[in-house]
Amino acid sequence: YRAFGWKPDKYEYMDYEARRTRLLRMPHIRVAVAQGGILWRLCKQELATVIPNGPSTDVHFFADASSRKFLFDSLSEQEIEFLCGVYHVDTGGGGKQMATLSWWPIPKLWETSGFELGYWTHSAEKLFQNRLKAIRERRAELFSAKKWKGELSFYKNITK
């Protein structure tokens, strides 16, 4: 949660990266890598050679119709938002209305864009690197879901 009028300062992205790195040290986070797409790319730098084997000790159990039992790790919605650098910012209504802004698109937005082809493309990497460069040069702003849809839809017909 961020108060009304909050804007990220020059240290905010570095703080986000440090918090993301701590989250990536948790054993169940390997699921983010397995999901592919934007989550895979956000994890790639940190987990390049050290992807935890699974399942973790935080594993979830489920059974299918045949009563076979399976184990799987999962990410909470909060962990996914955390990985994507999501912030909930008060819009001035005393905490009653919040804007959801992020450094990176959430997986739902990524999956409906022209970038989700089942593998990481040159176009996806170019977008990622351009965005990362703009963030590091302090030229980038946090985007709402609507802004992300617009940014990603620009590429929808180009990448297919």
Protein backbone atom coordinates (compact mmCIF):
# COMPACT_ATOMS: atom_id res chain seq x y z
CA TYR A 1 0.00 0.00 0.00
CA ARG A 2 1.16 3.48 -0.87
CA ALA A 3 -0.42 6.77 0.21
CA PHE A 4 -2.17 9.22 -2.11
CA GLY A 5 0.32 11.17 -4.22
CA TRP A 6 3.11 8.59 -3.86
CA LYS A 7 5.56 8.35 -6.73
CA PRO A 8 8.53 6.00 -6.87
CA ASP A 9 11.86 7.65 -6.16
CA LYS A 10 15.21 6.71 -7.64
CA TYR A 11 15.68 3.92 -5.10
CA GLU A 12 12.28 2.26 -5.47
CA TYR A 13 13.23 -0.12 -8.29
CA MET A 14 16.40 -1.16 -6.47
CA ASP A 15 14.29 -1.85 -3.39
CA TYR A 16 11.86 -3.88 -5.52
CA GLU A 17 14.76 -5.92 -6.92
CA ALA A 18 16.12 -6.61 -3.42
CA ARG A 19 12.68 -7.71 -2.17
CA ARG A 20 12.18 -9.85 -5.31
CA THR A 21 15.56 -11.50 -4.75
CA ARG A 22 14.55 -12.46 -1.19
CA LEU A 23 11.31 -13.97 -2.49
CA LEU A 24 13.18 -15.89 -5.18
CA ARG A 25 15.21 -17.67 -2.50
CA MET A 26 12.08 -19.47 -1.31
CA PRO A 27 11.97 -23.10 -2.53
CA HIS A 28 8.47 -23.05 -3.99
CA ILE A 29 9.31 -20.13 -6.26
CA ARG A 30 10.51 -22.58 -8.91
CA VAL A 31 6.88 -22.61 -10.04
CA ALA A 32 7.32 -19.10 -11.40
CA VAL A 33 10.11 -20.36 -13.64
CA ALA A 34 7.97 -23.29 -14.81
CA GLN A 35 5.06 -20.99 -15.69
CA GLY A 36 7.13 -19.30 -18.36
CA GLY A 37 6.27 -15.91 -19.82
CA ILE A 38 6.97 -12.74 -17.90
CA LEU A 39 7.38 -14.55 -14.56
CA TRP A 40 10.08 -16.77 -16.08
CA ARG A 41 11.91 -13.72 -17.42
CA LEU A 42 11.72 -11.83 -14.13
CA CYS A 43 13.20 -14.85 -12.34
CA LYS A 44 15.79 -15.71 -14.99
CA GLN A 45 18.43 -13.19 -13.92
CA GLU A 46 18.41 -14.28 -10.28
CA LEU A 47 17.87 -17.98 -10.79
CA ALA A 48 20.01 -18.45 -13.88
CA THR A 49 21.82 -21.48 -12.49
CA VAL A 50 20.15 -22.13 -9.15
CA ILE A 51 16.56 -23.19 -9.77
CA PRO A 52 15.42 -25.13 -6.72
CA ASN A 53 14.39 -28.75 -7.21
CA GLY A 54 10.85 -29.49 -6.22
CA PRO A 55 8.49 -30.03 -4.79
CA SER A 56 9.27 -27.82 -1.84
CA THR A 57 8.28 -28.39 1.77
CA ASP A 58 5.42 -25.92 1.13
CA VAL A 59 3.86 -28.29 -1.38
CA HIS A 60 0.12 -28.58 -1.88
CA PHE A 61 -1.66 -31.91 -2.28
CA PHE A 62 -4.58 -32.65 -4.56
CA ALA A 63 -6.31 -35.75 -5.89
CA ASP A 64 -7.94 -36.29 -9.25
CA ALA A 65 -11.08 -38.29 -10.04
CA SER A 66 -9.11 -41.54 -10.05
CA SER A 67 -7.95 -40.87 -6.47
CA ARG A 68 -4.36 -40.50 -7.55
CA LYS A 69 -2.55 -37.97 -5.41
CA PHE A 70 -0.33 -35.29 -6.82
CA LEU A 71 2.01 -32.73 -5.33
CA PHE A 72 2.53 -29.27 -6.65
CA ASP A 73 3.88 -25.94 -5.58
CA SER A 74 1.91 -22.81 -6.27
CA LEU A 75 2.26 -19.07 -6.00
CA SER A 76 -0.21 -16.87 -4.20
CA GLU A 77 -1.70 -13.87 -5.97
CA GLN A 78 0.36 -11.68 -3.62
CA GLU A 79 3.59 -13.45 -4.63
CA ILE A 80 2.78 -12.99 -8.31
CA GLU A 81 2.09 -9.31 -7.72
CA PHE A 82 5.30 -9.06 -5.71
CA LEU A 83 7.34 -10.57 -8.57
CA CYS A 84 5.79 -8.13 -11.04
CA GLY A 85 6.42 -5.11 -8.82
CA VAL A 86 2.77 -4.27 -8.15
CA TYR A 87 1.86 -1.35 -5.90
CA HIS A 88 -1.59 -0.44 -4.61
CA VAL A 89 -1.75 3.35 -4.44
CA ASP A 90 -4.51 5.35 -2.77
CA THR A 91 -6.30 7.50 -5.35
CA GLY A 92 -7.31 10.10 -2.80
CA GLY A 93 -10.38 8.48 -1.34
CA GLY A 94 -8.85 7.80 2.05
CA GLY A 95 -7.92 4.22 1.17
CA LYS A 96 -11.35 3.38 -0.26
CA GLN A 97 -10.17 3.42 -3.86
CA MET A 98 -6.82 2.14 -4.98
CA ALA A 99 -4.93 2.27 -8.25
CA THR A 100 -2.95 -0.86 -9.08
CA LEU A 101 0.35 0.06 -10.74
CA SER A 102 3.33 -2.10 -11.62
CA TRP A 103 6.85 -2.15 -13.02
CA TRP A 104 6.01 -5.25 -15.09
CA PRO A 105 2.78 -6.69 -16.50
CA ILE A 106 1.05 -9.38 -14.48
CA PRO A 107 0.88 -12.82 -16.15
CA LYS A 108 -2.82 -12.45 -17.13
CA LEU A 109 -1.95 -9.38 -19.20
CA TRP A 110 1.14 -11.02 -20.66
CA GLU A 111 -0.80 -14.15 -21.64
CA THR A 112 -3.34 -12.16 -23.63
CA SER A 113 -0.71 -10.13 -25.45
CA GLY A 114 1.03 -10.96 -28.67
CA PHE A 115 4.09 -12.00 -26.70
CA GLU A 116 2.72 -15.23 -25.25
CA LEU A 117 3.66 -17.76 -27.90
CA GLY A 118 4.74 -20.60 -25.62
CA TYR A 119 8.38 -19.56 -25.74
CA TRP A 120 10.39 -16.40 -25.10
CA THR A 121 10.86 -14.50 -28.36
CA HIS A 122 13.35 -11.93 -29.56
CA SER A 123 10.52 -9.36 -29.52
CA ALA A 124 9.69 -10.21 -25.89
CA GLU A 125 13.33 -9.86 -24.91
CA LYS A 126 13.62 -6.56 -26.74
CA LEU A 127 10.55 -5.21 -24.90
CA PHE A 128 11.94 -6.48 -21.59
CA GLN A 129 15.38 -4.95 -22.13
CA ASN A 130 13.94 -1.62 -23.33
CA ARG A 131 11.68 -1.43 -20.29
CA LEU A 132 14.50 -2.39 -17.92
CA LYS A 133 16.77 0.23 -19.46
CA ALA A 134 14.06 2.91 -19.13
CA ILE A 135 13.52 1.94 -15.48
CA ARG A 136 17.22 2.06 -14.67
CA GLU A 137 17.57 5.41 -16.41
CA ARG A 138 14.56 6.66 -14.40
CA ARG A 139 12.56 7.36 -17.57
CA ALA A 140 9.89 4.71 -16.83
CA GLU A 141 6.76 5.13 -14.80
CA LEU A 142 4.60 2.53 -13.14
CA PHE A 143 1.80 1.33 -15.42
CA SER A 144 -1.82 0.50 -14.68
CA ALA A 145 -3.39 -2.63 -16.19
CA LYS A 146 -5.01 -0.43 -18.85
CA LYS A 147 -1.65 1.14 -19.75
CA TRP A 148 -0.01 -2.31 -19.87
CA LYS A 149 -2.74 -3.59 -22.20
CA GLY A 150 -2.05 -0.69 -24.51
CA GLU A 151 1.72 -1.17 -24.35
CA LEU A 152 1.48 -4.90 -25.01
CA SER A 153 -1.26 -4.75 -27.66
CA PHE A 154 0.99 -2.60 -29.82
CA TYR A 155 3.00 -5.76 -30.41
CA LYS A 156 0.04 -8.15 -30.74
CA ASN A 157 0.03 -8.26 -34.55
CA ILE A 158 3.78 -7.82 -34.94
CA THR A 159 4.80 -10.93 -32.99
CA LYS A 160 2.32 -13.37 -34.53
